[in-house]
Amino acid sequence: MTMTVLISGGGTKESNIIVNQYFADLINNASVLYFPNAGDETIRTYQESYKYVKDMFESVGIHNIDLCVDFNQITEEILDKYDAIYISGGSISKLVGEMRTADIVDLITNFEKENVIYGQSAGGISLGKDVSYFEEAKETKPLGLIDYAITCHYKDEYYERVFKGTKINTYCIRDNEAVLFDGDDVKFINGISLYIERNNFE
């Protein structure tokens, strides 16, 4: 398994059970490291998010889930203990900013070459190549693990706005849907996500 990125459009743990079961099967219920750093702790603490995510993954058979809130503690040796990383939603700029400040982008990129990264909402959008469509992240340079832009929580009435606002080829993922990027292969889970082709990669 190489270069595998799974991106969920959002939704609740109950509504996302098909996507989460797909993830569990993909990694054979192995070990997951959870990054909650896109979240706003004034709304939900990282520990509360961890409990939610543990419940969510245990319901599909994943029982080894560890929490990491300090990117400065991440090393290659630590990442070697895990089969997947899960990144939840919130602020794109906060998440990417903390990763770049801790200088772990190369570690995450190398991890993804051999393992699975599962991002939901902002956690998934940050893995794409361009996030300038999002007002709060206009100046943010995302991780660029896949050669597309991503928008999540997509609804059909957003089409015009997304089409005008995106610069590169974009996957628009609705709640409860996901897209798997496995090398050059793209697979849709629990629904067909909209693909907007721009043909103008930088």
N, C-alpha and C. Protein backbone atom coordinates (compact mmCIF):
# COMPACT_ATOMS: atom_id res chain seq x y z
N MET A 1 0.85 -1.20 0.00
CA MET A 1 0.00 0.00 0.00
C MET A 1 0.89 1.24 0.00
N THR A 2 0.70 2.13 -0.97
CA THR A 2 1.54 3.32 -1.04
C THR A 2 0.70 4.54 -1.34
N MET A 3 1.15 5.67 -0.84
CA MET A 3 0.55 6.97 -1.13
C MET A 3 -0.96 6.95 -1.03
N THR A 4 -1.46 6.62 0.13
CA THR A 4 -2.91 6.47 0.29
C THR A 4 -3.48 7.56 1.18
N VAL A 5 -4.37 8.36 0.61
CA VAL A 5 -5.03 9.44 1.34
C VAL A 5 -6.54 9.25 1.21
N LEU A 6 -7.23 9.22 2.35
CA LEU A 6 -8.69 9.11 2.38
C LEU A 6 -9.24 10.43 2.92
N ILE A 7 -10.17 11.03 2.18
CA ILE A 7 -10.73 12.32 2.61
C ILE A 7 -12.24 12.22 2.70
N SER A 8 -12.75 12.54 3.90
CA SER A 8 -14.19 12.52 4.17
C SER A 8 -14.74 13.94 4.10
N GLY A 9 -15.93 14.05 3.53
CA GLY A 9 -16.56 15.37 3.41
C GLY A 9 -17.11 15.92 4.70
N GLY A 10 -17.25 15.08 5.73
CA GLY A 10 -17.80 15.52 7.01
C GLY A 10 -19.00 14.69 7.41
N GLY A 11 -19.65 15.10 8.48
CA GLY A 11 -20.79 14.36 9.00
C GLY A 11 -20.52 13.86 10.40
N THR A 12 -21.49 13.16 10.96
CA THR A 12 -21.36 12.64 12.32
C THR A 12 -20.76 11.24 12.30
N LYS A 13 -20.38 10.74 13.49
CA LYS A 13 -19.82 9.38 13.54
C LYS A 13 -20.88 8.36 13.13
N GLU A 14 -22.13 8.66 13.41
CA GLU A 14 -23.21 7.74 13.03
C GLU A 14 -23.43 7.76 11.51
N SER A 15 -23.46 8.95 10.92
CA SER A 15 -23.76 9.05 9.49
C SER A 15 -22.56 8.64 8.63
N ASN A 16 -21.38 8.64 9.23
CA ASN A 16 -20.16 8.32 8.48
C ASN A 16 -19.73 6.87 8.65
N ILE A 17 -20.60 6.02 9.15
CA ILE A 17 -20.18 4.67 9.51
C ILE A 17 -19.68 3.87 8.29
N ILE A 18 -20.24 4.11 7.11
CA ILE A 18 -19.79 3.38 5.93
C ILE A 18 -18.35 3.78 5.57
N VAL A 19 -18.08 5.07 5.62
CA VAL A 19 -16.72 5.55 5.32
C VAL A 19 -15.74 5.07 6.38
N ASN A 20 -16.14 5.15 7.64
CA ASN A 20 -15.24 4.72 8.73
C ASN A 20 -14.99 3.22 8.68
N GLN A 21 -16.00 2.44 8.29
CA GLN A 21 -15.80 1.00 8.15
C GLN A 21 -14.84 0.72 6.99
N TYR A 22 -14.96 1.50 5.94
CA TYR A 22 -14.03 1.35 4.81
C TYR A 22 -12.59 1.60 5.26
N PHE A 23 -12.41 2.65 6.06
CA PHE A 23 -11.09 2.98 6.61
C PHE A 23 -10.57 1.84 7.48
N ALA A 24 -11.42 1.31 8.35
CA ALA A 24 -11.03 0.21 9.24
C ALA A 24 -10.57 -1.00 8.43
N ASP A 25 -11.32 -1.31 7.37
CA ASP A 25 -10.96 -2.45 6.51
C ASP A 25 -9.66 -2.18 5.77
N LEU A 26 -9.47 -0.93 5.36
CA LEU A 26 -8.28 -0.53 4.61
C LEU A 26 -7.00 -0.78 5.42
N ILE A 27 -7.07 -0.51 6.73
CA ILE A 27 -5.88 -0.67 7.58
C ILE A 27 -5.95 -1.93 8.43
N ASN A 28 -6.92 -2.80 8.14
CA ASN A 28 -7.07 -4.05 8.91
C ASN A 28 -7.19 -3.79 10.41
N ASN A 29 -7.97 -2.75 10.76
CA ASN A 29 -8.22 -2.41 12.17
C ASN A 29 -6.93 -2.19 12.96
N ALA A 30 -5.91 -1.67 12.30
CA ALA A 30 -4.61 -1.49 12.94
C ALA A 30 -4.56 -0.19 13.76
N SER A 31 -3.37 0.35 13.98
CA SER A 31 -3.18 1.46 14.93
C SER A 31 -3.27 2.82 14.25
N VAL A 32 -3.91 3.76 14.97
CA VAL A 32 -4.17 5.09 14.42
C VAL A 32 -3.65 6.16 15.38
N LEU A 33 -2.98 7.16 14.83
CA LEU A 33 -2.57 8.34 15.59
C LEU A 33 -3.50 9.48 15.19
N TYR A 34 -4.10 10.13 16.19
CA TYR A 34 -5.14 11.14 15.95
C TYR A 34 -4.60 12.54 16.22
N PHE A 35 -4.76 13.44 15.23
CA PHE A 35 -4.40 14.85 15.35
C PHE A 35 -5.70 15.68 15.42
N PRO A 36 -6.00 16.31 16.57
CA PRO A 36 -7.22 17.13 16.67
C PRO A 36 -6.95 18.62 16.45
N ASN A 37 -5.74 18.97 16.01
CA ASN A 37 -5.24 20.35 16.12
C ASN A 37 -5.97 21.39 15.28
N ALA A 38 -6.78 20.95 14.31
CA ALA A 38 -7.57 21.93 13.55
C ALA A 38 -8.71 22.48 14.40
N GLY A 39 -9.05 21.77 15.46
CA GLY A 39 -10.20 22.12 16.27
C GLY A 39 -9.98 23.33 17.17
N ASP A 40 -11.09 23.88 17.64
CA ASP A 40 -11.10 25.03 18.55
C ASP A 40 -11.42 24.51 19.95
N GLU A 41 -10.44 24.58 20.83
CA GLU A 41 -10.61 24.01 22.18
C GLU A 41 -11.64 24.76 23.01
N THR A 42 -11.99 25.97 22.62
CA THR A 42 -13.04 26.68 23.36
C THR A 42 -14.42 26.10 23.04
N ILE A 43 -14.52 25.36 21.92
CA ILE A 43 -15.77 24.71 21.55
C ILE A 43 -15.79 23.27 22.06
N ARG A 44 -14.69 22.56 21.81
CA ARG A 44 -14.58 21.18 22.29
C ARG A 44 -13.10 20.90 22.57
N THR A 45 -12.78 20.47 23.78
CA THR A 45 -11.38 20.22 24.12
C THR A 45 -10.84 19.05 23.31
N TYR A 46 -9.54 18.99 23.22
CA TYR A 46 -8.91 17.88 22.50
C TYR A 46 -9.24 16.54 23.15
N GLN A 47 -9.34 16.53 24.46
CA GLN A 47 -9.69 15.28 25.15
C GLN A 47 -11.12 14.85 24.83
N GLU A 48 -12.02 15.82 24.73
CA GLU A 48 -13.40 15.50 24.34
C GLU A 48 -13.45 14.99 22.89
N SER A 49 -12.64 15.62 22.03
CA SER A 49 -12.57 15.17 20.64
C SER A 49 -12.01 13.75 20.57
N TYR A 50 -11.01 13.48 21.40
CA TYR A 50 -10.39 12.15 21.43
C TYR A 50 -11.41 11.09 21.84
N LYS A 51 -12.21 11.40 22.86
CA LYS A 51 -13.24 10.44 23.30
C LYS A 51 -14.22 10.18 22.16
N TYR A 52 -14.61 11.22 21.47
CA TYR A 52 -15.55 11.10 20.34
C TYR A 52 -14.96 10.21 19.25
N VAL A 53 -13.70 10.48 18.91
CA VAL A 53 -13.03 9.73 17.83
C VAL A 53 -12.79 8.28 18.25
N LYS A 54 -12.43 8.07 19.51
CA LYS A 54 -12.24 6.69 20.00
C LYS A 54 -13.55 5.90 19.87
N ASP A 55 -14.65 6.51 20.31
CA ASP A 55 -15.96 5.86 20.18
C ASP A 55 -16.28 5.57 18.71
N MET A 56 -15.98 6.54 17.87
CA MET A 56 -16.28 6.43 16.45
C MET A 56 -15.54 5.26 15.81
N PHE A 57 -14.24 5.16 16.12
CA PHE A 57 -13.44 4.10 15.50
C PHE A 57 -13.64 2.74 16.17
N GLU A 58 -13.88 2.74 17.47
CA GLU A 58 -14.13 1.46 18.14
C GLU A 58 -15.41 0.82 17.60
N SER A 59 -16.36 1.64 17.17
CA SER A 59 -17.62 1.10 16.64
C SER A 59 -17.42 0.35 15.32
N VAL A 60 -16.27 0.59 14.64
CA VAL A 60 -15.99 -0.13 13.40
C VAL A 60 -14.80 -1.08 13.56
N GLY A 61 -14.37 -1.29 14.82
CA GLY A 61 -13.38 -2.32 15.08
C GLY A 61 -11.95 -1.86 15.26
N ILE A 62 -11.70 -0.54 15.26
CA ILE A 62 -10.34 -0.02 15.50
C ILE A 62 -10.22 0.32 16.98
N HIS A 63 -9.31 -0.36 17.68
CA HIS A 63 -9.21 -0.16 19.14
C HIS A 63 -7.90 0.48 19.59
N ASN A 64 -6.95 0.60 18.70
CA ASN A 64 -5.67 1.20 19.07
C ASN A 64 -5.60 2.61 18.48
N ILE A 65 -6.07 3.59 19.25
CA ILE A 65 -6.12 4.98 18.81
C ILE A 65 -5.42 5.84 19.85
N ASP A 66 -4.36 6.51 19.45
CA ASP A 66 -3.63 7.40 20.36
C ASP A 66 -3.81 8.85 19.93
N LEU A 67 -3.75 9.73 20.92
CA LEU A 67 -3.93 11.16 20.70
C LEU A 67 -2.58 11.87 20.68
N CYS A 68 -2.39 12.78 19.71
CA CYS A 68 -1.21 13.65 19.70
C CYS A 68 -1.68 15.09 19.55
N VAL A 69 -1.36 15.93 20.53
CA VAL A 69 -1.76 17.35 20.45
C VAL A 69 -0.56 18.27 20.28
N ASP A 70 0.64 17.75 20.45
CA ASP A 70 1.86 18.56 20.35
C ASP A 70 2.71 18.04 19.20
N PHE A 71 2.67 18.75 18.09
CA PHE A 71 3.42 18.31 16.91
C PHE A 71 4.93 18.31 17.13
N ASN A 72 5.39 19.09 18.11
CA ASN A 72 6.82 19.12 18.39
C ASN A 72 7.34 17.78 18.92
N GLN A 73 6.43 16.93 19.38
CA GLN A 73 6.84 15.62 19.89
C GLN A 73 6.92 14.56 18.80
N ILE A 74 6.48 14.91 17.59
CA ILE A 74 6.43 13.92 16.51
C ILE A 74 7.83 13.64 15.97
N THR A 75 8.20 12.37 15.91
CA THR A 75 9.45 11.94 15.30
C THR A 75 9.14 10.79 14.34
N GLU A 76 10.10 10.46 13.52
CA GLU A 76 9.93 9.32 12.61
C GLU A 76 9.71 8.03 13.40
N GLU A 77 10.41 7.90 14.54
CA GLU A 77 10.28 6.71 15.38
C GLU A 77 8.87 6.57 15.93
N ILE A 78 8.28 7.68 16.33
CA ILE A 78 6.90 7.65 16.83
C ILE A 78 5.94 7.27 15.71
N LEU A 79 6.08 7.89 14.56
CA LEU A 79 5.17 7.60 13.44
C LEU A 79 5.29 6.15 12.98
N ASP A 80 6.47 5.57 13.12
CA ASP A 80 6.67 4.17 12.71
C ASP A 80 5.79 3.20 13.49
N LYS A 81 5.27 3.62 14.63
CA LYS A 81 4.44 2.74 15.46
C LYS A 81 3.00 2.64 14.95
N TYR A 82 2.66 3.50 13.97
CA TYR A 82 1.25 3.59 13.54
C TYR A 82 1.08 3.22 12.08
N ASP A 83 -0.12 2.74 11.77
CA ASP A 83 -0.47 2.37 10.41
C ASP A 83 -1.25 3.47 9.71
N ALA A 84 -1.80 4.40 10.48
CA ALA A 84 -2.60 5.48 9.89
C ALA A 84 -2.58 6.70 10.80
N ILE A 85 -2.81 7.85 10.18
CA ILE A 85 -3.03 9.10 10.90
C ILE A 85 -4.45 9.57 10.57
N TYR A 86 -5.19 10.02 11.59
CA TYR A 86 -6.51 10.59 11.37
C TYR A 86 -6.47 12.06 11.79
N ILE A 87 -6.95 12.95 10.91
CA ILE A 87 -6.93 14.39 11.18
C ILE A 87 -8.36 14.91 11.08
N SER A 88 -8.89 15.44 12.17
CA SER A 88 -10.28 15.92 12.18
C SER A 88 -10.36 17.37 11.74
N GLY A 89 -11.58 17.91 11.70
CA GLY A 89 -11.84 19.20 11.09
C GLY A 89 -11.68 20.40 12.02
N GLY A 90 -11.94 21.57 11.45
CA GLY A 90 -11.80 22.83 12.17
C GLY A 90 -11.21 23.90 11.27
N SER A 91 -10.06 24.43 11.66
CA SER A 91 -9.42 25.51 10.92
C SER A 91 -8.24 24.98 10.10
N ILE A 92 -8.29 25.20 8.80
CA ILE A 92 -7.20 24.79 7.91
C ILE A 92 -5.91 25.52 8.30
N SER A 93 -6.01 26.84 8.45
CA SER A 93 -4.80 27.63 8.71
C SER A 93 -4.18 27.29 10.07
N LYS A 94 -4.99 26.99 11.07
CA LYS A 94 -4.47 26.62 12.39
C LYS A 94 -3.71 25.29 12.31
N LEU A 95 -4.33 24.32 11.66
CA LEU A 95 -3.71 23.00 11.55
C LEU A 95 -2.39 23.07 10.78
N VAL A 96 -2.41 23.65 9.59
CA VAL A 96 -1.21 23.70 8.76
C VAL A 96 -0.14 24.58 9.41
N GLY A 97 -0.58 25.68 10.04
CA GLY A 97 0.37 26.55 10.71
C GLY A 97 1.13 25.84 11.81
N GLU A 98 0.42 25.04 12.63
CA GLU A 98 1.08 24.30 13.71
C GLU A 98 2.02 23.24 13.14
N MET A 99 1.61 22.58 12.07
CA MET A 99 2.48 21.57 11.45
C MET A 99 3.75 22.20 10.90
N ARG A 100 3.61 23.34 10.23
CA ARG A 100 4.79 23.99 9.65
C ARG A 100 5.70 24.57 10.73
N THR A 101 5.11 25.11 11.79
CA THR A 101 5.91 25.64 12.89
C THR A 101 6.74 24.54 13.54
N ALA A 102 6.15 23.35 13.68
CA ALA A 102 6.85 22.21 14.28
C ALA A 102 7.75 21.49 13.27
N ASP A 103 7.68 21.91 12.01
CA ASP A 103 8.54 21.36 10.95
C ASP A 103 8.35 19.85 10.78
N ILE A 104 7.08 19.42 10.70
CA ILE A 104 6.82 17.98 10.55
C ILE A 104 6.21 17.62 9.19
N VAL A 105 6.15 18.59 8.27
CA VAL A 105 5.49 18.32 6.99
C VAL A 105 6.20 17.20 6.24
N ASP A 106 7.53 17.20 6.23
CA ASP A 106 8.27 16.14 5.54
C ASP A 106 8.02 14.79 6.19
N LEU A 107 7.93 14.77 7.52
CA LEU A 107 7.65 13.51 8.23
C LEU A 107 6.28 12.96 7.84
N ILE A 108 5.30 13.86 7.76
CA ILE A 108 3.94 13.45 7.39
C ILE A 108 3.93 12.96 5.94
N THR A 109 4.64 13.66 5.06
CA THR A 109 4.71 13.26 3.65
C THR A 109 5.34 11.88 3.50
N ASN A 110 6.41 11.65 4.22
CA ASN A 110 7.08 10.34 4.15
C ASN A 110 6.21 9.24 4.74
N PHE A 111 5.48 9.55 5.80
CA PHE A 111 4.57 8.58 6.41
C PHE A 111 3.51 8.15 5.40
N GLU A 112 2.98 9.12 4.67
CA GLU A 112 1.89 8.86 3.74
C GLU A 112 2.33 7.97 2.58
N LYS A 113 3.62 7.95 2.29
CA LYS A 113 4.11 7.12 1.18
C LYS A 113 3.97 5.63 1.47
N GLU A 114 3.92 5.27 2.76
CA GLU A 114 3.86 3.86 3.12
C GLU A 114 2.59 3.49 3.89
N ASN A 115 1.83 4.48 4.31
CA ASN A 115 0.70 4.24 5.21
C ASN A 115 -0.53 4.99 4.72
N VAL A 116 -1.50 5.17 5.60
CA VAL A 116 -2.75 5.83 5.23
C VAL A 116 -2.94 7.09 6.07
N ILE A 117 -3.32 8.18 5.42
CA ILE A 117 -3.73 9.39 6.14
C ILE A 117 -5.21 9.62 5.82
N TYR A 118 -6.00 9.77 6.87
CA TYR A 118 -7.45 9.96 6.75
C TYR A 118 -7.77 11.34 7.30
N GLY A 119 -8.23 12.22 6.43
CA GLY A 119 -8.58 13.57 6.85
C GLY A 119 -10.06 13.82 6.68
N GLN A 120 -10.66 14.45 7.68
CA GLN A 120 -12.08 14.82 7.59
C GLN A 120 -12.21 16.33 7.55
N SER A 121 -13.01 16.84 6.62
CA SER A 121 -13.28 18.26 6.50
C SER A 121 -11.96 19.03 6.42
N ALA A 122 -11.71 20.00 7.30
CA ALA A 122 -10.47 20.78 7.22
C ALA A 122 -9.22 19.90 7.29
N GLY A 123 -9.32 18.80 8.02
CA GLY A 123 -8.20 17.87 8.10
C GLY A 123 -7.88 17.24 6.75
N GLY A 124 -8.90 17.08 5.91
CA GLY A 124 -8.70 16.55 4.56
C GLY A 124 -8.35 17.63 3.56
N ILE A 125 -9.02 18.78 3.66
CA ILE A 125 -8.77 19.89 2.75
C ILE A 125 -7.29 20.29 2.80
N SER A 126 -6.70 20.25 4.00
CA SER A 126 -5.30 20.64 4.19
C SER A 126 -4.32 19.73 3.47
N LEU A 127 -4.77 18.53 3.09
CA LEU A 127 -3.89 17.57 2.41
C LEU A 127 -3.79 17.85 0.92
N GLY A 128 -4.64 18.75 0.40
CA GLY A 128 -4.66 19.06 -1.01
C GLY A 128 -3.57 20.04 -1.41
N LYS A 129 -3.67 20.51 -2.67
CA LYS A 129 -2.61 21.34 -3.24
C LYS A 129 -2.92 22.83 -3.17
N ASP A 130 -4.20 23.19 -3.00
CA ASP A 130 -4.57 24.61 -2.96
C ASP A 130 -5.77 24.79 -2.03
N VAL A 131 -5.67 25.77 -1.13
CA VAL A 131 -6.78 26.05 -0.20
C VAL A 131 -7.22 27.50 -0.27
N SER A 132 -6.78 28.22 -1.30
CA SER A 132 -7.04 29.66 -1.36
C SER A 132 -8.52 29.98 -1.55
N TYR A 133 -9.32 28.98 -1.91
CA TYR A 133 -10.77 29.17 -2.01
C TYR A 133 -11.38 29.53 -0.66
N PHE A 134 -10.75 29.10 0.42
CA PHE A 134 -11.30 29.29 1.77
C PHE A 134 -10.77 30.60 2.37
N GLU A 135 -11.69 31.46 2.76
CA GLU A 135 -11.32 32.80 3.23
C GLU A 135 -10.30 32.75 4.36
N GLU A 136 -10.51 31.84 5.32
CA GLU A 136 -9.62 31.81 6.50
C GLU A 136 -8.25 31.26 6.17
N ALA A 137 -8.10 30.66 4.98
CA ALA A 137 -6.83 30.01 4.64
C ALA A 137 -6.19 30.58 3.38
N LYS A 138 -6.60 31.79 2.99
CA LYS A 138 -6.14 32.37 1.73
C LYS A 138 -4.61 32.40 1.62
N GLU A 139 -3.94 32.66 2.73
CA GLU A 139 -2.48 32.77 2.71
C GLU A 139 -1.79 31.49 3.13
N THR A 140 -2.55 30.41 3.30
CA THR A 140 -1.99 29.16 3.81
C THR A 140 -1.47 28.29 2.68
N LYS A 141 -0.27 27.76 2.85
CA LYS A 141 0.26 26.78 1.90
C LYS A 141 -0.05 25.39 2.45
N PRO A 142 -0.96 24.65 1.80
CA PRO A 142 -1.37 23.35 2.35
C PRO A 142 -0.27 22.30 2.18
N LEU A 143 -0.55 21.07 2.60
CA LEU A 143 0.48 20.02 2.61
C LEU A 143 0.76 19.46 1.23
N GLY A 144 -0.23 19.50 0.33
CA GLY A 144 0.01 19.09 -1.04
C GLY A 144 0.30 17.62 -1.24
N LEU A 145 -0.31 16.76 -0.42
CA LEU A 145 -0.08 15.32 -0.57
C LEU A 145 -0.79 14.75 -1.79
N ILE A 146 -1.81 15.45 -2.25
CA ILE A 146 -2.49 15.07 -3.50
C ILE A 146 -2.53 16.28 -4.42
N ASP A 147 -2.60 16.04 -5.72
CA ASP A 147 -2.49 17.12 -6.71
C ASP A 147 -3.83 17.76 -7.06
N TYR A 148 -4.69 17.88 -6.08
CA TYR A 148 -6.02 18.45 -6.29
C TYR A 148 -6.34 19.40 -5.14
N ALA A 149 -7.32 20.27 -5.38
CA ALA A 149 -7.94 21.00 -4.28
C ALA A 149 -9.14 20.18 -3.80
N ILE A 150 -9.50 20.37 -2.55
CA ILE A 150 -10.63 19.66 -1.94
C ILE A 150 -11.56 20.68 -1.30
N THR A 151 -12.85 20.50 -1.49
CA THR A 151 -13.81 21.21 -0.67
C THR A 151 -14.76 20.18 -0.05
N CYS A 152 -15.07 20.37 1.22
CA CYS A 152 -15.89 19.41 1.95
C CYS A 152 -17.24 20.03 2.33
N HIS A 153 -18.12 19.21 2.90
CA HIS A 153 -19.49 19.66 3.23
C HIS A 153 -20.18 20.23 1.99
N TYR A 154 -19.85 19.67 0.84
CA TYR A 154 -20.36 20.23 -0.42
C TYR A 154 -21.86 19.98 -0.59
N LYS A 155 -22.54 20.98 -1.14
CA LYS A 155 -23.95 20.85 -1.54
C LYS A 155 -24.08 21.41 -2.95
N ASP A 156 -25.07 20.91 -3.70
CA ASP A 156 -25.21 21.30 -5.10
C ASP A 156 -25.35 22.81 -5.28
N GLU A 157 -25.98 23.47 -4.31
CA GLU A 157 -26.18 24.92 -4.45
C GLU A 157 -24.88 25.72 -4.32
N TYR A 158 -23.79 25.04 -3.92
CA TYR A 158 -22.49 25.72 -3.80
C TYR A 158 -21.73 25.74 -5.13
N TYR A 159 -22.27 25.04 -6.15
CA TYR A 159 -21.47 24.78 -7.36
C TYR A 159 -20.89 26.07 -7.96
N GLU A 160 -21.73 27.06 -8.19
CA GLU A 160 -21.27 28.27 -8.88
C GLU A 160 -20.13 28.94 -8.12
N ARG A 161 -20.30 29.01 -6.81
CA ARG A 161 -19.30 29.65 -5.95
C ARG A 161 -17.98 28.88 -5.98
N VAL A 162 -18.09 27.56 -5.90
CA VAL A 162 -16.87 26.73 -5.92
C VAL A 162 -16.19 26.83 -7.28
N PHE A 163 -16.98 26.75 -8.34
CA PHE A 163 -16.41 26.80 -9.69
C PHE A 163 -15.66 28.11 -9.91
N LYS A 164 -16.23 29.20 -9.46
CA LYS A 164 -15.58 30.51 -9.65
C LYS A 164 -14.38 30.69 -8.72
N GLY A 165 -14.42 30.03 -7.57
CA GLY A 165 -13.40 30.29 -6.55
C GLY A 165 -12.18 29.39 -6.59
N THR A 166 -12.30 28.23 -7.23
CA THR A 166 -11.17 27.30 -7.23
C THR A 166 -10.28 27.53 -8.44
N LYS A 167 -8.98 27.26 -8.26
CA LYS A 167 -8.00 27.53 -9.32
C LYS A 167 -7.54 26.27 -10.02
N ILE A 168 -7.59 25.13 -9.32
CA ILE A 168 -7.07 23.88 -9.89
C ILE A 168 -8.15 22.80 -9.83
N ASN A 169 -7.88 21.66 -10.41
CA ASN A 169 -8.85 20.55 -10.41
C ASN A 169 -9.26 20.25 -8.98
N THR A 170 -10.57 20.15 -8.75
CA THR A 170 -11.12 20.12 -7.39
C THR A 170 -12.12 18.99 -7.22
N TYR A 171 -12.00 18.28 -6.08
CA TYR A 171 -13.02 17.30 -5.67
C TYR A 171 -13.91 17.95 -4.62
N CYS A 172 -15.22 17.91 -4.87
CA CYS A 172 -16.21 18.51 -3.96
C CYS A 172 -16.92 17.35 -3.25
N ILE A 173 -16.65 17.18 -1.96
CA ILE A 173 -17.09 15.99 -1.24
C ILE A 173 -18.21 16.35 -0.28
N ARG A 174 -19.34 15.68 -0.40
CA ARG A 174 -20.49 15.93 0.47
C ARG A 174 -20.29 15.25 1.82
N ASP A 175 -21.08 15.67 2.80
CA ASP A 175 -21.11 14.96 4.09
C ASP A 175 -21.42 13.48 3.83
N ASN A 176 -20.75 12.63 4.59
CA ASN A 176 -20.94 11.16 4.57
C ASN A 176 -20.34 10.48 3.34
N GLU A 177 -19.74 11.25 2.44
CA GLU A 177 -19.01 10.69 1.31
C GLU A 177 -17.51 10.76 1.61
N ALA A 178 -16.73 10.00 0.85
CA ALA A 178 -15.28 10.11 0.93
C ALA A 178 -14.67 9.78 -0.41
N VAL A 179 -13.44 10.23 -0.58
CA VAL A 179 -12.67 9.92 -1.78
C VAL A 179 -11.33 9.35 -1.34
N LEU A 180 -10.95 8.22 -1.95
CA LEU A 180 -9.66 7.59 -1.67
C LEU A 180 -8.71 7.89 -2.82
N PHE A 181 -7.57 8.50 -2.48
CA PHE A 181 -6.51 8.75 -3.46
C PHE A 181 -5.41 7.74 -3.18
N ASP A 182 -5.27 6.78 -4.09
CA ASP A 182 -4.31 5.69 -3.89
C ASP A 182 -3.35 5.71 -5.08
N GLY A 183 -2.22 6.40 -4.91
CA GLY A 183 -1.35 6.63 -6.05
C GLY A 183 -2.09 7.45 -7.09
N ASP A 184 -2.17 6.92 -8.32
CA ASP A 184 -2.89 7.63 -9.39
C ASP A 184 -4.37 7.25 -9.44
N ASP A 185 -4.77 6.30 -8.62
CA ASP A 185 -6.16 5.84 -8.63
C ASP A 185 -7.02 6.67 -7.68
N VAL A 186 -8.25 6.93 -8.11
CA VAL A 186 -9.22 7.66 -7.28
C VAL A 186 -10.46 6.79 -7.15
N LYS A 187 -10.91 6.61 -5.91
CA LYS A 187 -12.09 5.76 -5.67
C LYS A 187 -13.08 6.52 -4.79
N PHE A 188 -14.37 6.44 -5.13
CA PHE A 188 -15.42 7.11 -4.37
C PHE A 188 -16.05 6.13 -3.38
N ILE A 189 -16.29 6.60 -2.16
CA ILE A 189 -16.91 5.76 -1.13
C ILE A 189 -18.21 6.42 -0.69
N ASN A 190 -19.29 5.64 -0.72
CA ASN A 190 -20.62 6.07 -0.25
C ASN A 190 -21.17 7.26 -1.03
N GLY A 191 -20.99 7.24 -2.34
CA GLY A 191 -21.51 8.32 -3.19
C GLY A 191 -20.44 8.85 -4.10
N ILE A 192 -20.85 9.40 -5.24
CA ILE A 192 -19.90 9.95 -6.22
C ILE A 192 -19.72 11.44 -5.96
N SER A 193 -18.53 11.84 -5.59
CA SER A 193 -18.25 13.25 -5.34
C SER A 193 -18.08 14.00 -6.66
N LEU A 194 -18.44 15.27 -6.65
CA LEU A 194 -18.31 16.10 -7.85
C LEU A 194 -16.84 16.42 -8.11
N TYR A 195 -16.45 16.33 -9.38
CA TYR A 195 -15.09 16.67 -9.79
C TYR A 195 -15.16 17.84 -10.74
N ILE A 196 -14.46 18.92 -10.42
CA ILE A 196 -14.40 20.10 -11.28
C ILE A 196 -13.01 20.15 -11.90
N GLU A 197 -12.97 20.08 -13.24
CA GLU A 197 -11.68 20.05 -13.94
C GLU A 197 -11.30 21.45 -14.42
N ARG A 198 -10.14 21.91 -14.02
CA ARG A 198 -9.70 23.25 -14.41
C ARG A 198 -8.53 23.23 -15.39
N ASN A 199 -7.78 22.12 -15.41
CA ASN A 199 -6.66 21.95 -16.36
C ASN A 199 -5.63 23.08 -16.29
N ASN A 200 -5.41 23.60 -15.12
CA ASN A 200 -4.40 24.65 -15.02
C ASN A 200 -3.56 24.50 -13.76
N PHE A 201 -2.99 23.32 -13.59
CA PHE A 201 -2.08 23.14 -12.46
C PHE A 201 -0.93 24.14 -12.58
N GLU A 202 -0.52 24.61 -11.43
CA GLU A 202 0.63 25.53 -11.44
C GLU A 202 1.91 24.73 -11.58
